[in-house]
Amino acid sequence: MSIIRKIKKWIRFVTFYLMSWICSLIYPMKDNRVCFLSDVRTVMGGNLKCVYDYLEDKNFERIIEFKADRRVRRSFQQKLKLIYHLATSRYILLDDFTNAITFMKVRKGQEIVQLWHGPGAFKKFGWSRATNGENIGSIHRGYKKYTKASVSGEGIRWCYAEAFSISEDKVKATGFPRTDSFFDQDFLQKTRDDFFKEFPHLKDKKIILFAPTYRSTKVNDASYDFSKINFQAIYNQFYNQGYVFIIKWHPAIYNNMTMNVIEKPDLSLYKDFYYDFSEYRDINDLLIVCDTLITDYSSVIFDYVLLNKPIIYFTYDLDEYTGYGGRGLYFDFDEYVFGQVVHKCDNLVDAISHNDLMEEKRKVFFDKFMGECDGYSTYKTCQWIFENNQNIK
């Protein structure tokens, strides 16, 4: 980072902090105000939506402060409103990191609660990457301000405590709120019905969902080696067998595609087979309707295990990704596997044709990473977050 950029960032930090401090002197904190904060979404979803909906008939004031991307700057008026809402909210709920937490003055009695956007503990992140040999630059300092963080299983509390550089007693395994719907058979059926009503041309097709994570040490530089996928070979093998291939690029990859940072693969020659669903509102819907999931190091494996369907891990860069100097994982890769692992596209084609549920590995995986997900995670999470507030009773 250049000296000029550092100076500008420092000025923004000082200005934001001073305005936050002034607001905290002028305006009282409201015990029933909950601010839902995100720098990576414009529509309510995920764990934030679960908590938001749970509070609907409770005596809480719900404030939404969203923007689509961290690189999008708020206007001066929007920033003033944000500072005011942060200063006056007793509870600030997140599902990802945001610089506003780094810049703000945290008031006595305020709860900064991290719900995170994915269950389990797969790729190292936050302060866990400090000793991994990566060139990651600065680490988000707002992590250390969290007063609470919820996770999906007891055995991974230490991972989040390390990542956020907070004490483990601030991390509680309450389950993952947005997984509650996976235990509701009526919801699952309605999701399928609604999906195929919206996309009738996909009904009665065997759906392969491809949902990889991004490569790069920094989100803004997110990319993927598209050359590793032989789109022609996959099309030739499965087009006439009643398959369709839905692609859900990681939001960081797709954002860079839309901003022309990276070039999107041209799949226009393969109509009625490849479908890009990167803009689709909820990946959980896609997990529910698909027949087979292809992924790599993505946290979607944790949601997907609840559906008891085949999974394939396409890890063309396993050694590079997991080794020293790479992204790194919290546990050995084998502990995340409950499906076939392939490293080349030729093997991927074979794996799609020969799915294996691996029941024993699936159970071990669930117990380790998702043990507190039981259909009541939203209730347990909210009872913990608002435990000292009479409005939650």
Protein backbone atom coordinates (compact mmCIF):
# COMPACT_ATOMS: atom_id res chain seq x y z
CA MET A 1 0.00 0.00 0.00
CA SER A 2 1.39 3.41 -1.00
CA ILE A 3 2.06 6.12 1.58
CA ILE A 4 -0.74 8.29 0.13
CA ARG A 5 -3.26 5.44 0.45
CA LYS A 6 -2.12 4.77 4.02
CA ILE A 7 -2.57 8.43 4.91
CA LYS A 8 -6.04 8.50 3.36
CA LYS A 9 -7.02 5.34 5.22
CA TRP A 10 -5.70 6.76 8.48
CA ILE A 11 -7.69 9.97 7.95
CA ARG A 12 -10.87 7.96 7.27
CA PHE A 13 -10.26 5.92 10.41
CA VAL A 14 -9.68 8.93 12.65
CA THR A 15 -12.66 10.80 11.19
CA PHE A 16 -14.99 7.81 11.59
CA TYR A 17 -13.80 7.13 15.14
CA LEU A 18 -14.16 10.76 16.24
CA MET A 19 -17.66 10.99 14.80
CA SER A 20 -18.54 7.69 16.46
CA TRP A 21 -17.17 8.98 19.78
CA ILE A 22 -19.14 12.23 19.49
CA CYS A 23 -22.33 10.29 18.71
CA SER A 24 -21.80 8.14 21.79
CA LEU A 25 -21.59 11.30 23.92
CA ILE A 26 -24.69 12.92 22.45
CA TYR A 27 -27.08 9.99 21.91
CA PRO A 28 -28.03 7.27 24.39
CA MET A 29 -27.69 3.60 23.47
CA LYS A 30 -31.08 1.94 22.96
CA ASP A 31 -31.38 -1.44 24.67
CA ASN A 32 -33.91 -2.74 22.14
CA ARG A 33 -32.15 -1.52 18.98
CA VAL A 34 -30.50 -4.22 16.83
CA CYS A 35 -28.36 -3.21 13.85
CA PHE A 36 -27.90 -5.80 11.10
CA LEU A 37 -24.64 -4.85 9.38
CA SER A 38 -23.11 -6.21 6.17
CA ASP A 39 -20.73 -4.91 3.51
CA VAL A 40 -21.35 -7.82 1.13
CA ARG A 41 -25.11 -7.91 0.58
CA THR A 42 -28.08 -5.72 -0.32
CA VAL A 43 -30.81 -8.26 0.48
CA MET A 44 -31.47 -9.77 3.88
CA GLY A 45 -30.45 -13.43 3.98
CA GLY A 46 -28.58 -16.19 5.78
CA ASN A 47 -28.21 -16.15 9.55
CA LEU A 48 -28.99 -12.45 9.68
CA LYS A 49 -32.43 -13.09 8.17
CA CYS A 50 -33.11 -15.94 10.59
CA VAL A 51 -32.46 -13.68 13.58
CA TYR A 52 -34.24 -10.74 11.92
CA ASP A 53 -37.38 -12.83 11.39
CA TYR A 54 -37.22 -14.31 14.89
CA LEU A 55 -37.33 -10.82 16.41
CA GLU A 56 -40.35 -9.75 14.35
CA ASP A 57 -42.92 -10.25 17.11
CA LYS A 58 -40.54 -9.21 19.89
CA ASN A 59 -40.13 -5.68 21.21
CA PHE A 60 -36.97 -4.88 19.24
CA GLU A 61 -36.20 -2.11 16.77
CA ARG A 62 -34.46 -3.69 13.76
CA ILE A 63 -32.07 -1.51 11.74
CA ILE A 64 -30.54 -2.64 8.43
CA GLU A 65 -27.19 -1.25 7.21
CA PHE A 66 -26.19 -3.08 4.04
CA LYS A 67 -24.04 -2.37 1.00
CA ALA A 68 -23.23 -4.65 -1.93
CA ASP A 69 -19.42 -4.72 -1.83
CA ARG A 70 -16.63 -3.50 0.44
CA ARG A 71 -15.20 -1.49 -2.44
CA VAL A 72 -18.42 0.52 -2.75
CA ARG A 73 -18.08 3.78 -0.80
CA ARG A 74 -21.00 5.11 1.20
CA SER A 75 -21.97 8.72 0.63
CA PHE A 76 -21.28 11.21 3.42
CA GLN A 77 -24.96 11.15 4.42
CA GLN A 78 -25.02 7.34 4.42
CA LYS A 79 -21.89 7.25 6.55
CA LEU A 80 -23.40 9.65 9.09
CA LYS A 81 -26.49 7.46 9.34
CA LEU A 82 -24.33 4.37 9.77
CA ILE A 83 -22.28 5.97 12.54
CA TYR A 84 -25.45 7.03 14.35
CA HIS A 85 -26.98 3.56 14.12
CA LEU A 86 -23.80 1.86 15.32
CA ALA A 87 -23.44 4.27 18.22
CA THR A 88 -27.03 3.86 19.41
CA SER A 89 -27.58 0.10 18.89
CA ARG A 90 -27.17 -2.19 21.87
CA TYR A 91 -26.67 -5.13 19.49
CA ILE A 92 -24.70 -5.14 16.24
CA LEU A 93 -25.03 -8.36 14.25
CA LEU A 94 -22.66 -9.39 11.45
CA ASP A 95 -22.22 -12.35 9.13
CA ASP A 96 -18.82 -11.28 7.75
CA PHE A 97 -16.16 -8.74 8.61
CA THR A 98 -16.72 -5.04 8.04
CA ASN A 99 -14.34 -2.11 8.44
CA ALA A 100 -16.95 -0.08 10.32
CA ILE A 101 -16.36 -2.28 13.38
CA THR A 102 -12.64 -1.48 13.24
CA PHE A 103 -13.33 2.25 13.00
CA MET A 104 -16.16 2.61 15.52
CA LYS A 105 -15.96 3.29 19.25
CA VAL A 106 -17.53 0.35 21.08
CA ARG A 107 -19.65 1.50 24.01
CA LYS A 108 -19.85 -0.16 27.39
CA GLY A 109 -22.54 -2.84 27.29
CA GLN A 110 -22.64 -3.08 23.49
CA GLU A 111 -22.74 -6.54 21.94
CA ILE A 112 -20.83 -7.04 18.67
CA VAL A 113 -22.02 -10.47 17.54
CA GLN A 114 -20.50 -12.44 14.66
CA LEU A 115 -22.89 -15.03 13.19
CA TRP A 116 -20.59 -15.71 10.22
CA HIS A 117 -21.82 -16.73 6.77
CA GLY A 118 -20.77 -20.37 6.66
CA PRO A 119 -20.93 -23.19 9.21
CA GLY A 120 -18.09 -25.53 10.14
CA ALA A 121 -14.41 -24.60 10.04
CA PHE A 122 -12.65 -25.23 6.75
CA LYS A 123 -10.21 -22.67 5.36
CA LYS A 124 -8.14 -20.70 7.82
CA PHE A 125 -9.15 -17.07 8.06
CA GLY A 126 -8.54 -13.99 10.17
CA TRP A 127 -5.73 -14.24 12.69
CA SER A 128 -5.38 -17.97 12.01
CA ARG A 129 -3.61 -17.01 8.76
CA ALA A 130 -0.95 -14.92 10.52
CA THR A 131 1.46 -17.86 10.82
CA ASN A 132 0.52 -19.72 7.65
CA GLY A 133 3.26 -18.31 5.42
CA GLU A 134 0.86 -16.30 3.23
CA ASN A 135 1.44 -12.80 2.01
CA ILE A 136 -1.94 -11.53 3.23
CA GLY A 137 -1.03 -8.00 4.30
CA SER A 138 -2.89 -6.56 7.26
CA ILE A 139 -5.49 -8.59 9.17
CA HIS A 140 -8.89 -7.13 9.99
CA ARG A 141 -8.59 -5.63 13.48
CA GLY A 142 -12.32 -5.42 14.03
CA TYR A 143 -12.34 -9.15 14.79
CA LYS A 144 -10.94 -8.47 18.26
CA LYS A 145 -13.93 -6.29 19.13
CA TYR A 146 -16.42 -9.15 18.93
CA THR A 147 -18.16 -9.87 22.22
CA LYS A 148 -19.86 -13.04 20.97
CA ALA A 149 -19.55 -15.47 18.05
CA SER A 150 -21.79 -18.46 17.34
CA VAL A 151 -20.63 -21.67 15.64
CA SER A 152 -22.17 -24.91 14.39
CA GLY A 153 -20.28 -27.45 16.51
CA GLU A 154 -18.54 -27.69 19.87
CA GLY A 155 -15.32 -29.07 18.40
CA ILE A 156 -14.63 -25.97 16.29
CA ARG A 157 -15.02 -23.23 18.92
CA TRP A 158 -11.24 -22.93 19.16
CA CYS A 159 -10.98 -22.28 15.41
CA TYR A 160 -13.15 -19.18 15.60
CA ALA A 161 -11.57 -17.98 18.83
CA GLU A 162 -8.17 -18.17 17.10
CA ALA A 163 -9.46 -16.55 13.89
CA PHE A 164 -11.03 -13.62 15.74
CA SER A 165 -8.29 -13.43 18.38
CA ILE A 166 -10.86 -13.54 21.17
CA SER A 167 -11.16 -15.83 24.20
CA GLU A 168 -12.88 -19.15 23.62
CA ASP A 169 -15.54 -18.39 26.24
CA LYS A 170 -16.93 -15.73 23.84
CA VAL A 171 -17.59 -18.44 21.24
CA LYS A 172 -20.61 -20.69 21.74
CA ALA A 173 -21.85 -23.68 19.75
CA THR A 174 -25.53 -22.86 19.25
CA GLY A 175 -25.84 -24.42 15.81
CA PHE A 176 -26.23 -22.49 12.57
CA PRO A 177 -29.58 -20.67 12.24
CA ARG A 178 -30.01 -20.94 8.49
CA THR A 179 -29.65 -24.75 8.66
CA ASP A 180 -32.94 -25.01 10.59
CA SER A 181 -34.85 -25.16 7.31
CA PHE A 182 -32.98 -28.33 6.31
CA PHE A 183 -34.82 -30.18 9.07
CA ASP A 184 -38.25 -29.07 7.80
CA GLN A 185 -39.51 -31.51 5.15
CA ASP A 186 -42.38 -29.22 4.14
CA PHE A 187 -39.90 -26.41 3.53
CA LEU A 188 -37.65 -28.66 1.45
CA GLN A 189 -40.55 -29.74 -0.74
CA LYS A 190 -41.84 -26.19 -1.13
CA THR A 191 -38.35 -25.04 -2.12
CA ARG A 192 -38.22 -27.69 -4.85
CA ASP A 193 -41.72 -26.85 -6.06
CA ASP A 194 -41.02 -23.10 -6.14
CA PHE A 195 -37.71 -23.58 -7.90
CA PHE A 196 -39.10 -25.72 -10.68
CA LYS A 197 -42.08 -23.42 -11.05
CA GLU A 198 -39.61 -20.59 -11.68
CA PHE A 199 -37.36 -22.76 -13.88
CA PRO A 200 -39.68 -25.37 -15.46
CA HIS A 201 -37.10 -26.28 -18.12
CA LEU A 202 -34.93 -27.81 -15.36
CA LYS A 203 -37.65 -30.07 -14.00
CA ASP A 204 -36.97 -33.79 -14.41
CA LYS A 205 -33.31 -33.04 -15.18
CA LYS A 206 -30.43 -34.49 -13.20
CA ILE A 207 -28.83 -31.37 -11.76
CA ILE A 208 -25.10 -31.09 -11.17
CA LEU A 209 -24.25 -28.06 -9.04
CA PHE A 210 -20.73 -26.67 -9.37
CA ALA A 211 -19.91 -24.30 -6.49
CA PRO A 212 -16.15 -23.79 -5.99
CA THR A 213 -14.48 -21.26 -3.74
CA TYR A 214 -12.10 -18.58 -4.98
CA ARG A 215 -8.31 -18.60 -5.28
CA SER A 216 -6.05 -15.78 -4.05
CA THR A 217 -4.98 -14.59 -0.64
CA LYS A 218 -7.18 -11.48 -0.85
CA VAL A 219 -10.88 -11.32 -1.67
CA ASN A 220 -10.42 -8.35 -4.01
CA ASP A 221 -8.06 -10.47 -6.13
CA ALA A 222 -10.37 -13.50 -6.19
CA SER A 223 -10.01 -15.73 -9.25
CA TYR A 224 -10.27 -19.33 -10.46
CA ASP A 225 -8.26 -21.36 -12.97
CA PHE A 226 -11.02 -21.99 -15.51
CA SER A 227 -8.58 -23.91 -17.73
CA LYS A 228 -8.75 -26.82 -15.28
CA ILE A 229 -12.32 -27.53 -16.35
CA ASN A 230 -12.91 -29.17 -19.70
CA PHE A 231 -16.38 -27.78 -20.34
CA GLN A 232 -16.54 -29.49 -23.75
CA ALA A 233 -15.79 -32.95 -22.33
CA ILE A 234 -18.38 -32.61 -19.56
CA TYR A 235 -20.97 -31.45 -22.11
CA ASN A 236 -20.18 -34.33 -24.48
CA GLN A 237 -20.51 -36.90 -21.73
CA PHE A 238 -23.69 -35.75 -20.00
CA TYR A 239 -25.78 -33.57 -22.31
CA ASN A 240 -27.66 -36.48 -23.85
CA GLN A 241 -28.13 -38.25 -20.52
CA GLY A 242 -30.65 -35.79 -19.07
CA TYR A 243 -28.16 -33.73 -17.05
CA VAL A 244 -27.80 -29.98 -16.63
CA PHE A 245 -24.80 -28.25 -15.09
CA ILE A 246 -25.56 -25.28 -12.81
CA ILE A 247 -22.66 -23.00 -11.89
CA LYS A 248 -22.66 -20.87 -8.75
CA TRP A 249 -19.43 -18.89 -8.67
CA HIS A 250 -18.25 -17.65 -5.29
CA PRO A 251 -19.49 -14.04 -4.79
CA ALA A 252 -15.89 -12.78 -4.76
CA ILE A 253 -15.23 -14.42 -8.15
CA TYR A 254 -18.51 -13.21 -9.61
CA ASN A 255 -17.99 -9.65 -8.38
CA ASN A 256 -14.64 -9.59 -10.18
CA MET A 257 -16.31 -10.96 -13.31
CA THR A 258 -18.94 -8.22 -13.28
CA MET A 259 -16.26 -5.57 -12.67
CA ASN A 260 -14.16 -7.01 -15.55
CA VAL A 261 -11.27 -7.83 -13.23
CA ILE A 262 -11.31 -11.42 -14.53
CA GLU A 263 -12.84 -12.80 -17.73
CA LYS A 264 -15.90 -14.99 -17.44
CA PRO A 265 -15.82 -18.32 -19.33
CA ASP A 266 -17.87 -18.19 -22.52
CA LEU A 267 -20.37 -21.04 -22.34
CA SER A 268 -22.77 -19.70 -24.95
CA LEU A 269 -22.03 -22.66 -27.23
CA TYR A 270 -23.56 -25.05 -24.70
CA LYS A 271 -27.13 -23.84 -24.42
CA ASP A 272 -29.59 -25.93 -22.42
CA PHE A 273 -26.76 -27.50 -20.43
CA TYR A 274 -24.62 -24.91 -18.60
CA TYR A 275 -26.54 -22.39 -16.51
CA ASP A 276 -24.89 -19.61 -14.53
CA PHE A 277 -26.83 -19.11 -11.29
CA SER A 278 -24.27 -16.81 -9.65
CA GLU A 279 -26.92 -14.10 -9.22
CA TYR A 280 -29.43 -16.52 -7.72
CA ARG A 281 -30.50 -15.31 -4.28
CA ASP A 282 -29.83 -18.36 -2.12
CA ILE A 283 -27.35 -21.18 -2.66
CA ASN A 284 -29.29 -23.30 -0.18
CA ASP A 285 -32.10 -23.59 -2.74
CA LEU A 286 -29.58 -24.94 -5.23
CA LEU A 287 -28.22 -27.43 -2.70
CA ILE A 288 -31.75 -28.68 -2.12
CA VAL A 289 -32.68 -29.16 -5.80
CA CYS A 290 -29.39 -30.54 -7.10
CA ASP A 291 -28.61 -34.25 -7.39
CA THR A 292 -24.84 -33.96 -7.06
CA LEU A 293 -22.60 -31.21 -5.70
CA ILE A 294 -19.12 -30.51 -7.06
CA THR A 295 -17.03 -28.22 -4.89
CA ASP A 296 -13.55 -27.97 -3.40
CA TYR A 297 -12.71 -26.07 -0.21
CA SER A 298 -16.06 -24.29 0.06
CA SER A 299 -18.04 -24.19 3.29
CA VAL A 300 -21.13 -25.35 1.38
CA ILE A 301 -20.05 -28.89 2.29
CA PHE A 302 -21.30 -28.26 5.82
CA ASP A 303 -24.85 -27.33 4.76
CA TYR A 304 -24.87 -30.05 2.15
CA VAL A 305 -24.12 -32.89 4.56
CA LEU A 306 -27.60 -32.39 6.02
CA LEU A 307 -29.21 -33.39 2.71
CA ASN A 308 -27.62 -36.84 2.38
CA LYS A 309 -26.72 -36.60 -1.32
CA PRO A 310 -23.53 -37.32 -3.32
CA ILE A 311 -20.64 -34.85 -3.28
CA ILE A 312 -17.45 -34.65 -5.35
CA TYR A 313 -14.36 -32.65 -4.38
CA PHE A 314 -12.58 -31.22 -7.42
CA THR A 315 -9.25 -30.15 -5.91
CA TYR A 316 -6.83 -29.54 -8.78
CA ASP A 317 -4.50 -27.58 -6.47
CA LEU A 318 -4.79 -29.50 -3.19
CA ASP A 319 -1.11 -29.47 -2.19
CA GLU A 320 -0.65 -25.82 -3.16
CA TYR A 321 -3.85 -24.69 -1.47
CA THR A 322 -3.42 -26.54 1.80
CA GLY A 323 0.36 -26.38 2.22
CA TYR A 324 2.58 -23.77 3.86
CA GLY A 325 2.26 -20.54 1.93
CA GLY A 326 -1.19 -21.58 0.72
CA ARG A 327 -4.56 -20.83 2.28
CA GLY A 328 -4.31 -23.61 4.86
CA LEU A 329 -7.05 -25.64 6.58
CA TYR A 330 -7.94 -26.04 10.25
CA PHE A 331 -7.87 -29.84 10.00
CA ASP A 332 -6.34 -32.34 7.58
CA PHE A 333 -8.24 -32.34 4.30
CA ASP A 334 -9.22 -35.99 4.76
CA GLU A 335 -11.33 -35.00 7.77
CA TYR A 336 -13.56 -32.91 5.48
CA VAL A 337 -14.19 -35.68 2.95
CA PHE A 338 -17.43 -37.63 2.67
CA GLY A 339 -17.32 -38.10 -1.11
CA GLN A 340 -14.93 -38.77 -3.99
CA VAL A 341 -11.83 -36.57 -4.38
CA VAL A 342 -10.52 -35.89 -7.91
CA HIS A 343 -7.70 -33.69 -9.17
CA LYS A 344 -8.21 -33.78 -12.94
CA CYS A 345 -11.22 -33.13 -15.13
CA ASP A 346 -11.03 -36.61 -16.71
CA ASN A 347 -11.51 -38.13 -13.26
CA LEU A 348 -14.28 -35.64 -12.54
CA VAL A 349 -16.31 -36.99 -15.45
CA ASP A 350 -15.93 -40.54 -14.08
CA ALA A 351 -16.83 -39.45 -10.56
CA ILE A 352 -20.12 -37.88 -11.69
CA SER A 353 -21.11 -41.21 -13.20
CA HIS A 354 -20.24 -43.22 -10.07
CA ASN A 355 -21.54 -41.41 -6.99
CA ASP A 356 -20.82 -42.75 -3.52
CA LEU A 357 -22.56 -41.52 -0.34
CA MET A 358 -19.82 -42.81 2.03
CA GLU A 359 -22.24 -43.10 4.97
CA GLU A 360 -19.66 -43.74 7.71
CA LYS A 361 -17.48 -40.76 6.77
CA ARG A 362 -20.60 -38.63 6.47
CA LYS A 363 -21.61 -39.36 10.09
CA VAL A 364 -18.14 -38.65 11.45
CA PHE A 365 -18.06 -35.39 9.53
CA PHE A 366 -21.47 -34.30 10.85
CA ASP A 367 -20.64 -35.08 14.46
CA LYS A 368 -17.39 -33.12 14.27
CA PHE A 369 -18.52 -29.97 12.48
CA MET A 370 -22.33 -29.73 12.65
CA GLY A 371 -23.24 -31.43 15.92
CA GLU A 372 -25.32 -28.53 17.28
CA CYS A 373 -27.45 -28.18 14.14
CA ASP A 374 -30.75 -29.77 15.07
CA GLY A 375 -33.50 -27.57 13.63
CA TYR A 376 -33.53 -25.26 16.66
CA SER A 377 -30.37 -23.25 16.05
CA THR A 378 -32.14 -19.90 15.55
CA TYR A 379 -33.88 -20.22 18.90
CA LYS A 380 -30.69 -21.22 20.72
CA THR A 381 -28.65 -18.47 19.06
CA CYS A 382 -31.16 -15.72 19.87
CA GLN A 383 -31.58 -16.87 23.45
CA TRP A 384 -27.80 -16.57 23.87
CA ILE A 385 -27.36 -13.23 22.09
CA PHE A 386 -30.21 -11.51 23.92
CA GLU A 387 -29.97 -13.51 27.15
CA ASN A 388 -30.00 -10.42 29.39
CA ASN A 389 -32.79 -8.62 27.54
CA GLN A 390 -36.31 -9.08 28.88
CA ASN A 391 -37.80 -8.58 25.40
CA ILE A 392 -36.56 -12.01 24.28
CA LYS A 393 -38.45 -13.94 26.96
